Amino acid sequence: MATETVKIDAKLVKELREKSGAPMGDCLKALQESNGDMENAFVVLRKRGMASAAKKASRTTNEGAVGTYIHAGGKIGVMVELACESDFVARTEGFQELLRDIAMHIAAVDPRYIGREEVTEADIEREKEVYRAQAAASGKPANIIEKMLEGKMGKFYEEVCLLDQPFIKEQSQTVAQIIATQVGKMGENIAVRRFARFKIGEPTATFAQAKQVVAEEPQA
């Protein structure tokens, strides 16, 4: 016996469309799956956006734009290169807004790296040594210390890696999740390629650049 389709008010579909930026058809399906619950439907769309982002992550990003953000009366400045697949998407309002938001986030939170893969081995080992020493001083057994170390390193990555940080305008999501949502909306791979953060009075600026991964072209 066929399952009865839940009837959804067109106003709800429109509201979810405005909130998520997802296509009307996807919004309707998400609301039907969620029995008309707006918050659950938004979660459904976010999950689909993350899955879509994962599928597109290996696609080459040769287009994009450079954005800037100046804060605190000219005392802090950020420049970010955000990459995508086409010049068309790079020029859209949504992409430009994402670029500004990421630059603003970097100005406020001051990450040192883009992602975990950019963290140097020297930094990782130094942090691990500190955490192991702290844990050992507590007298806990080795297996517990290693579990504590995993949690400490996760917190460390959250502090220094842009993609792991809670987004400044939406603390319930990381910067990586914010980008993934936009990938789902725009239908293209989007990646932070590099950034620089300058602050008056500091001797050097913070520079970060993602490791370049070139996707192989599919065989004909």
C-alpha atoms as a PDB file:
ATOM      1  CA  MET A   1       0.000   0.000   0.000  1.00  0.00           C
ATOM      2  CA  ALA A   2       1.452   3.378  -1.026  1.00  0.00           C
ATOM      3  CA  THR A   3       2.387   5.826   1.715  1.00  0.00           C
ATOM      4  CA  GLU A   4       0.227   8.951   1.730  1.00  0.00           C
ATOM      5  CA  THR A   5       2.139  12.093   0.759  1.00  0.00           C
ATOM      6  CA  VAL A   6       2.094  14.785   3.436  1.00  0.00           C
ATOM      7  CA  LYS A   7       0.432  17.971   2.214  1.00  0.00           C
ATOM      8  CA  ILE A   8       2.640  21.014   2.747  1.00  0.00           C
ATOM      9  CA  ASP A   9       1.522  24.642   2.685  1.00  0.00           C
ATOM     10  CA  ALA A  10       3.209  26.564  -0.136  1.00  0.00           C
ATOM     11  CA  LYS A  11       4.095  29.311   2.367  1.00  0.00           C
ATOM     12  CA  LEU A  12       6.222  26.835   4.336  1.00  0.00           C
ATOM     13  CA  VAL A  13       8.023  25.760   1.169  1.00  0.00           C
ATOM     14  CA  LYS A  14       8.752  29.388   0.311  1.00  0.00           C
ATOM     15  CA  GLU A  15       9.959  30.133   3.843  1.00  0.00           C
ATOM     16  CA  LEU A  16      12.348  27.152   3.803  1.00  0.00           C
ATOM     17  CA  ARG A  17      13.547  28.173   0.352  1.00  0.00           C
ATOM     18  CA  GLU A  18      14.403  31.666   1.637  1.00  0.00           C
ATOM     19  CA  LYS A  19      16.104  30.253   4.738  1.00  0.00           C
ATOM     20  CA  SER A  20      18.168  27.566   3.022  1.00  0.00           C
ATOM     21  CA  GLY A  21      18.573  28.731  -0.568  1.00  0.00           C
ATOM     22  CA  ALA A  22      17.792  25.182  -1.728  1.00  0.00           C
ATOM     23  CA  PRO A  23      15.575  24.544  -4.798  1.00  0.00           C
ATOM     24  CA  MET A  24      11.812  24.597  -4.209  1.00  0.00           C
ATOM     25  CA  GLY A  25      11.488  20.897  -5.049  1.00  0.00           C
ATOM     26  CA  ASP A  26      14.122  19.925  -2.499  1.00  0.00           C
ATOM     27  CA  CYS A  27      12.450  22.118   0.119  1.00  0.00           C
ATOM     28  CA  LEU A  28       9.102  20.441  -0.493  1.00  0.00           C
ATOM     29  CA  LYS A  29      10.613  16.950  -0.202  1.00  0.00           C
ATOM     30  CA  ALA A  30      12.442  17.876   2.998  1.00  0.00           C
ATOM     31  CA  LEU A  31       9.241  19.243   4.555  1.00  0.00           C
ATOM     32  CA  GLN A  32       7.310  16.132   3.535  1.00  0.00           C
ATOM     33  CA  GLU A  33       9.969  13.902   5.070  1.00  0.00           C
ATOM     34  CA  SER A  34       9.829  16.013   8.241  1.00  0.00           C
ATOM     35  CA  ASN A  35       6.011  16.094   8.408  1.00  0.00           C
ATOM     36  CA  GLY A  36       6.009  19.854   7.987  1.00  0.00           C
ATOM     37  CA  ASP A  37       8.527  20.577  10.750  1.00  0.00           C
ATOM     38  CA  MET A  38      10.603  23.534   9.541  1.00  0.00           C
ATOM     39  CA  GLU A  39      13.659  22.942  11.757  1.00  0.00           C
ATOM     40  CA  ASN A  40      13.906  19.239  10.935  1.00  0.00           C
ATOM     41  CA  ALA A  41      13.479  20.000   7.239  1.00  0.00           C
ATOM     42  CA  PHE A  42      16.348  22.490   7.422  1.00  0.00           C
ATOM     43  CA  VAL A  43      18.534  19.804   9.033  1.00  0.00           C
ATOM     44  CA  VAL A  44      17.626  17.405   6.200  1.00  0.00           C
ATOM     45  CA  LEU A  45      18.708  19.986   3.626  1.00  0.00           C
ATOM     46  CA  ARG A  46      21.956  20.659   5.500  1.00  0.00           C
ATOM     47  CA  LYS A  47      22.798  16.945   5.553  1.00  0.00           C
ATOM     48  CA  ARG A  48      22.159  16.718   1.831  1.00  0.00           C
ATOM     49  CA  GLY A  49      24.347  19.759   1.316  1.00  0.00           C
ATOM     50  CA  MET A  50      27.201  18.096   3.219  1.00  0.00           C
ATOM     51  CA  ALA A  51      26.841  14.949   1.110  1.00  0.00           C
ATOM     52  CA  SER A  52      26.824  17.031  -2.051  1.00  0.00           C
ATOM     53  CA  ALA A  53      29.953  18.860  -0.877  1.00  0.00           C
ATOM     54  CA  ALA A  54      31.768  15.579  -0.263  1.00  0.00           C
ATOM     55  CA  LYS A  55      31.033  14.403  -3.803  1.00  0.00           C
ATOM     56  CA  LYS A  56      32.307  17.659  -5.299  1.00  0.00           C
ATOM     57  CA  ALA A  57      35.404  18.000  -3.087  1.00  0.00           C
ATOM     58  CA  SER A  58      37.793  16.511  -5.670  1.00  0.00           C
ATOM     59  CA  ARG A  59      36.630  18.743  -8.511  1.00  0.00           C
ATOM     60  CA  THR A  60      39.141  21.335  -9.709  1.00  0.00           C
ATOM     61  CA  THR A  61      38.629  24.938  -8.594  1.00  0.00           C
ATOM     62  CA  ASN A  62      40.333  27.234 -11.099  1.00  0.00           C
ATOM     63  CA  GLU A  63      38.049  30.244 -10.651  1.00  0.00           C
ATOM     64  CA  GLY A  64      37.039  32.312  -7.653  1.00  0.00           C
ATOM     65  CA  ALA A  65      37.643  35.713  -6.129  1.00  0.00           C
ATOM     66  CA  VAL A  66      39.793  37.584  -3.635  1.00  0.00           C
ATOM     67  CA  GLY A  67      38.001  39.430  -0.855  1.00  0.00           C
ATOM     68  CA  THR A  68      39.095  41.743   1.932  1.00  0.00           C
ATOM     69  CA  TYR A  69      37.813  42.806   5.334  1.00  0.00           C
ATOM     70  CA  ILE A  70      39.049  45.743   7.403  1.00  0.00           C
ATOM     71  CA  HIS A  71      38.194  45.848  11.102  1.00  0.00           C
ATOM     72  CA  ALA A  72      38.724  47.982  14.219  1.00  0.00           C
ATOM     73  CA  GLY A  73      39.233  51.288  12.452  1.00  0.00           C
ATOM     74  CA  GLY A  74      41.878  49.940  10.130  1.00  0.00           C
ATOM     75  CA  LYS A  75      43.822  48.084  12.830  1.00  0.00           C
ATOM     76  CA  ILE A  76      43.130  44.587  11.424  1.00  0.00           C
ATOM     77  CA  GLY A  77      42.962  43.599   7.761  1.00  0.00           C
ATOM     78  CA  VAL A  78      42.311  40.270   6.052  1.00  0.00           C
ATOM     79  CA  MET A  79      42.677  39.122   2.451  1.00  0.00           C
ATOM     80  CA  VAL A  80      41.166  35.783   1.376  1.00  0.00           C
ATOM     81  CA  GLU A  81      41.202  33.812  -1.865  1.00  0.00           C
ATOM     82  CA  LEU A  82      38.049  31.712  -2.184  1.00  0.00           C
ATOM     83  CA  ALA A  83      38.051  29.284  -5.110  1.00  0.00           C
ATOM     84  CA  CYS A  84      35.196  27.750  -7.109  1.00  0.00           C
ATOM     85  CA  GLU A  85      34.699  26.055 -10.471  1.00  0.00           C
ATOM     86  CA  SER A  86      33.264  28.836 -12.635  1.00  0.00           C
ATOM     87  CA  ASP A  87      33.482  32.579 -13.030  1.00  0.00           C
ATOM     88  CA  PHE A  88      29.672  32.676 -13.073  1.00  0.00           C
ATOM     89  CA  VAL A  89      29.422  31.351  -9.506  1.00  0.00           C
ATOM     90  CA  ALA A  90      32.315  33.561  -8.365  1.00  0.00           C
ATOM     91  CA  ARG A  91      30.300  36.622  -9.358  1.00  0.00           C
ATOM     92  CA  THR A  92      27.083  35.615  -7.584  1.00  0.00           C
ATOM     93  CA  GLU A  93      25.858  37.483  -4.518  1.00  0.00           C
ATOM     94  CA  GLY A  94      25.898  34.278  -2.448  1.00  0.00           C
ATOM     95  CA  PHE A  95      29.545  33.544  -3.226  1.00  0.00           C
ATOM     96  CA  GLN A  96      30.609  37.127  -2.536  1.00  0.00           C
ATOM     97  CA  GLU A  97      28.721  37.111   0.764  1.00  0.00           C
ATOM     98  CA  LEU A  98      30.436  33.860   1.767  1.00  0.00           C
ATOM     99  CA  LEU A  99      33.795  35.403   0.890  1.00  0.00           C
ATOM    100  CA  ARG A 100      33.105  38.450   3.067  1.00  0.00           C
ATOM    101  CA  ASP A 101      31.900  36.295   5.956  1.00  0.00           C
ATOM    102  CA  ILE A 102      35.022  34.130   5.890  1.00  0.00           C
ATOM    103  CA  ALA A 103      37.262  37.212   5.817  1.00  0.00           C
ATOM    104  CA  MET A 104      35.348  38.690   8.760  1.00  0.00           C
ATOM    105  CA  HIS A 105      35.660  35.410  10.657  1.00  0.00           C
ATOM    106  CA  ILE A 106      39.430  35.335  10.116  1.00  0.00           C
ATOM    107  CA  ALA A 107      39.720  38.920  11.343  1.00  0.00           C
ATOM    108  CA  ALA A 108      37.836  38.053  14.532  1.00  0.00           C
ATOM    109  CA  VAL A 109      39.173  34.577  15.362  1.00  0.00           C
ATOM    110  CA  ASP A 110      42.715  34.640  13.915  1.00  0.00           C
ATOM    111  CA  PRO A 111      43.235  31.045  12.674  1.00  0.00           C
ATOM    112  CA  ARG A 112      46.788  29.971  11.821  1.00  0.00           C
ATOM    113  CA  TYR A 113      45.969  27.307   9.249  1.00  0.00           C
ATOM    114  CA  ILE A 114      43.168  26.536   6.788  1.00  0.00           C
ATOM    115  CA  GLY A 115      42.760  22.822   7.559  1.00  0.00           C
ATOM    116  CA  ARG A 116      44.334  20.108   9.693  1.00  0.00           C
ATOM    117  CA  GLU A 117      46.480  18.874   6.815  1.00  0.00           C
ATOM    118  CA  GLU A 118      48.381  22.189   6.851  1.00  0.00           C
ATOM    119  CA  VAL A 119      49.372  21.998  10.533  1.00  0.00           C
ATOM    120  CA  THR A 120      53.109  21.389  10.765  1.00  0.00           C
ATOM    121  CA  GLU A 121      54.456  18.233  12.403  1.00  0.00           C
ATOM    122  CA  ALA A 122      56.490  20.432  14.744  1.00  0.00           C
ATOM    123  CA  ASP A 123      53.322  22.143  16.041  1.00  0.00           C
ATOM    124  CA  ILE A 124      51.511  18.821  16.438  1.00  0.00           C
ATOM    125  CA  GLU A 125      54.357  17.180  18.364  1.00  0.00           C
ATOM    126  CA  ARG A 126      54.841  20.226  20.590  1.00  0.00           C
ATOM    127  CA  GLU A 127      51.159  20.227  21.560  1.00  0.00           C
ATOM    128  CA  LYS A 128      51.157  16.472  22.177  1.00  0.00           C
ATOM    129  CA  GLU A 129      54.197  16.740  24.458  1.00  0.00           C
ATOM    130  CA  VAL A 130      52.516  19.441  26.526  1.00  0.00           C
ATOM    131  CA  TYR A 131      49.255  17.487  26.837  1.00  0.00           C
ATOM    132  CA  ARG A 132      51.033  14.211  27.672  1.00  0.00           C
ATOM    133  CA  ALA A 133      53.020  15.943  30.411  1.00  0.00           C
ATOM    134  CA  GLN A 134      49.855  17.480  31.859  1.00  0.00           C
ATOM    135  CA  ALA A 135      48.015  14.152  31.776  1.00  0.00           C
ATOM    136  CA  ALA A 136      50.943  12.191  33.210  1.00  0.00           C
ATOM    137  CA  ALA A 137      51.130  14.584  36.151  1.00  0.00           C
ATOM    138  CA  SER A 138      47.573  13.620  37.025  1.00  0.00           C
ATOM    139  CA  GLY A 139      48.638  10.004  37.563  1.00  0.00           C
ATOM    140  CA  LYS A 140      46.140   8.563  35.096  1.00  0.00           C
ATOM    141  CA  PRO A 141      46.920   5.276  33.289  1.00  0.00           C
ATOM    142  CA  ALA A 142      48.422   5.318  29.769  1.00  0.00           C
ATOM    143  CA  ASN A 143      45.214   4.269  27.958  1.00  0.00           C
ATOM    144  CA  ILE A 144      43.276   7.085  29.595  1.00  0.00           C
ATOM    145  CA  ILE A 145      46.044   9.554  28.777  1.00  0.00           C
ATOM    146  CA  GLU A 146      45.838   8.654  25.061  1.00  0.00           C
ATOM    147  CA  LYS A 147      42.068   9.201  25.058  1.00  0.00           C
ATOM    148  CA  MET A 148      42.554  12.539  26.776  1.00  0.00           C
ATOM    149  CA  LEU A 149      45.173  13.387  24.169  1.00  0.00           C
ATOM    150  CA  GLU A 150      42.688  12.817  21.323  1.00  0.00           C
ATOM    151  CA  GLY A 151      40.240  15.241  22.915  1.00  0.00           C
ATOM    152  CA  LYS A 152      42.938  17.832  23.570  1.00  0.00           C
ATOM    153  CA  MET A 153      44.195  17.661  19.992  1.00  0.00           C
ATOM    154  CA  GLY A 154      40.647  18.074  18.681  1.00  0.00           C
ATOM    155  CA  LYS A 155      40.356  21.252  20.736  1.00  0.00           C
ATOM    156  CA  PHE A 156      43.751  22.395  19.451  1.00  0.00           C
ATOM    157  CA  TYR A 157      42.661  21.977  15.819  1.00  0.00           C
ATOM    158  CA  GLU A 158      39.482  23.916  16.592  1.00  0.00           C
ATOM    159  CA  GLU A 159      41.600  26.780  17.899  1.00  0.00           C
ATOM    160  CA  VAL A 160      44.111  27.004  15.037  1.00  0.00           C
ATOM    161  CA  CYS A 161      42.355  25.622  11.907  1.00  0.00           C
ATOM    162  CA  LEU A 162      39.888  27.825  10.057  1.00  0.00           C
ATOM    163  CA  LEU A 163      37.699  24.953   8.822  1.00  0.00           C
ATOM    164  CA  ASP A 164      37.372  23.431  12.322  1.00  0.00           C
ATOM    165  CA  GLN A 165      36.362  26.668  14.027  1.00  0.00           C
ATOM    166  CA  PRO A 166      32.747  27.463  14.978  1.00  0.00           C
ATOM    167  CA  PHE A 167      31.607  30.086  12.484  1.00  0.00           C
ATOM    168  CA  ILE A 168      31.544  33.529  14.064  1.00  0.00           C
ATOM    169  CA  LYS A 169      27.979  34.287  12.872  1.00  0.00           C
ATOM    170  CA  GLU A 170      26.550  30.800  13.566  1.00  0.00           C
ATOM    171  CA  GLN A 171      28.346  29.069  16.437  1.00  0.00           C
ATOM    172  CA  SER A 172      26.426  25.798  15.989  1.00  0.00           C
ATOM    173  CA  GLN A 173      28.230  25.209  12.671  1.00  0.00           C
ATOM    174  CA  THR A 174      31.890  25.084  11.733  1.00  0.00           C
ATOM    175  CA  VAL A 175      33.318  27.116   8.870  1.00  0.00           C
ATOM    176  CA  ALA A 176      33.628  23.851   6.921  1.00  0.00           C
ATOM    177  CA  GLN A 177      29.896  23.191   7.387  1.00  0.00           C
ATOM    178  CA  ILE A 178      29.020  26.727   6.286  1.00  0.00           C
ATOM    179  CA  ILE A 179      31.053  26.235   3.115  1.00  0.00           C
ATOM    180  CA  ALA A 180      29.510  22.788   2.530  1.00  0.00           C
ATOM    181  CA  THR A 181      26.015  24.284   2.740  1.00  0.00           C
ATOM    182  CA  GLN A 182      26.942  26.797   0.050  1.00  0.00           C
ATOM    183  CA  VAL A 183      28.406  24.027  -2.119  1.00  0.00           C
ATOM    184  CA  GLY A 184      25.007  22.344  -1.967  1.00  0.00           C
ATOM    185  CA  LYS A 185      23.240  25.568  -2.915  1.00  0.00           C
ATOM    186  CA  MET A 186      25.581  26.630  -5.719  1.00  0.00           C
ATOM    187  CA  GLY A 187      26.328  23.195  -7.152  1.00  0.00           C
ATOM    188  CA  GLU A 188      30.088  23.735  -7.317  1.00  0.00           C
ATOM    189  CA  ASN A 189      33.115  22.840  -5.241  1.00  0.00           C
ATOM    190  CA  ILE A 190      34.209  25.799  -3.086  1.00  0.00           C
ATOM    191  CA  ALA A 191      37.475  25.985  -1.141  1.00  0.00           C
ATOM    192  CA  VAL A 192      39.525  28.493   0.798  1.00  0.00           C
ATOM    193  CA  ARG A 193      42.835  28.530  -1.052  1.00  0.00           C
ATOM    194  CA  ARG A 194      44.813  31.009   1.078  1.00  0.00           C
ATOM    195  CA  PHE A 195      44.514  33.977   3.400  1.00  0.00           C
ATOM    196  CA  ALA A 196      46.603  36.670   5.055  1.00  0.00           C
ATOM    197  CA  ARG A 197      45.758  38.516   8.277  1.00  0.00           C
ATOM    198  CA  PHE A 198      47.490  41.752   9.267  1.00  0.00           C
ATOM    199  CA  LYS A 199      47.274  43.518  12.633  1.00  0.00           C
ATOM    200  CA  ILE A 200      48.850  46.826  13.493  1.00  0.00           C
ATOM    201  CA  GLY A 201      51.637  46.401  16.057  1.00  0.00           C
ATOM    202  CA  GLU A 202      52.325  42.739  15.314  1.00  0.00           C
ATOM    203  CA  PRO A 203      55.757  42.093  13.749  1.00  0.00           C
ATOM    204  CA  THR A 204      54.512  39.616  11.141  1.00  0.00           C
ATOM    205  CA  ALA A 205      51.259  38.796   9.415  1.00  0.00           C
ATOM    206  CA  THR A 206      49.511  35.422   9.536  1.00  0.00           C
ATOM    207  CA  PHE A 207      49.684  33.641   6.195  1.00  0.00           C
ATOM    208  CA  ALA A 208      47.983  30.345   5.354  1.00  0.00           C
ATOM    209  CA  GLN A 209      47.740  28.408   2.122  1.00  0.00           C
ATOM    210  CA  ALA A 210      45.959  25.141   1.398  1.00  0.00           C
ATOM    211  CA  LYS A 211      47.861  22.226  -0.046  1.00  0.00           C
ATOM    212  CA  GLN A 212      46.988  22.033  -3.712  1.00  0.00           C
ATOM    213  CA  VAL A 213      45.294  18.825  -4.822  1.00  0.00           C
ATOM    214  CA  VAL A 214      44.690  18.467  -8.549  1.00  0.00           C
ATOM    215  CA  ALA A 215      41.841  16.160  -9.473  1.00  0.00           C
ATOM    216  CA  GLU A 216      42.559  13.678 -12.248  1.00  0.00           C
ATOM    217  CA  GLU A 217      40.447  14.040 -15.352  1.00  0.00           C
ATOM    218  CA  PRO A 218      38.135  11.040 -15.894  1.00  0.00           C
ATOM    219  CA  GLN A 219      39.219   8.654 -18.604  1.00  0.00           C
ATOM    220  CA  ALA A 220      37.196   8.803 -21.820  1.00  0.00           C
END
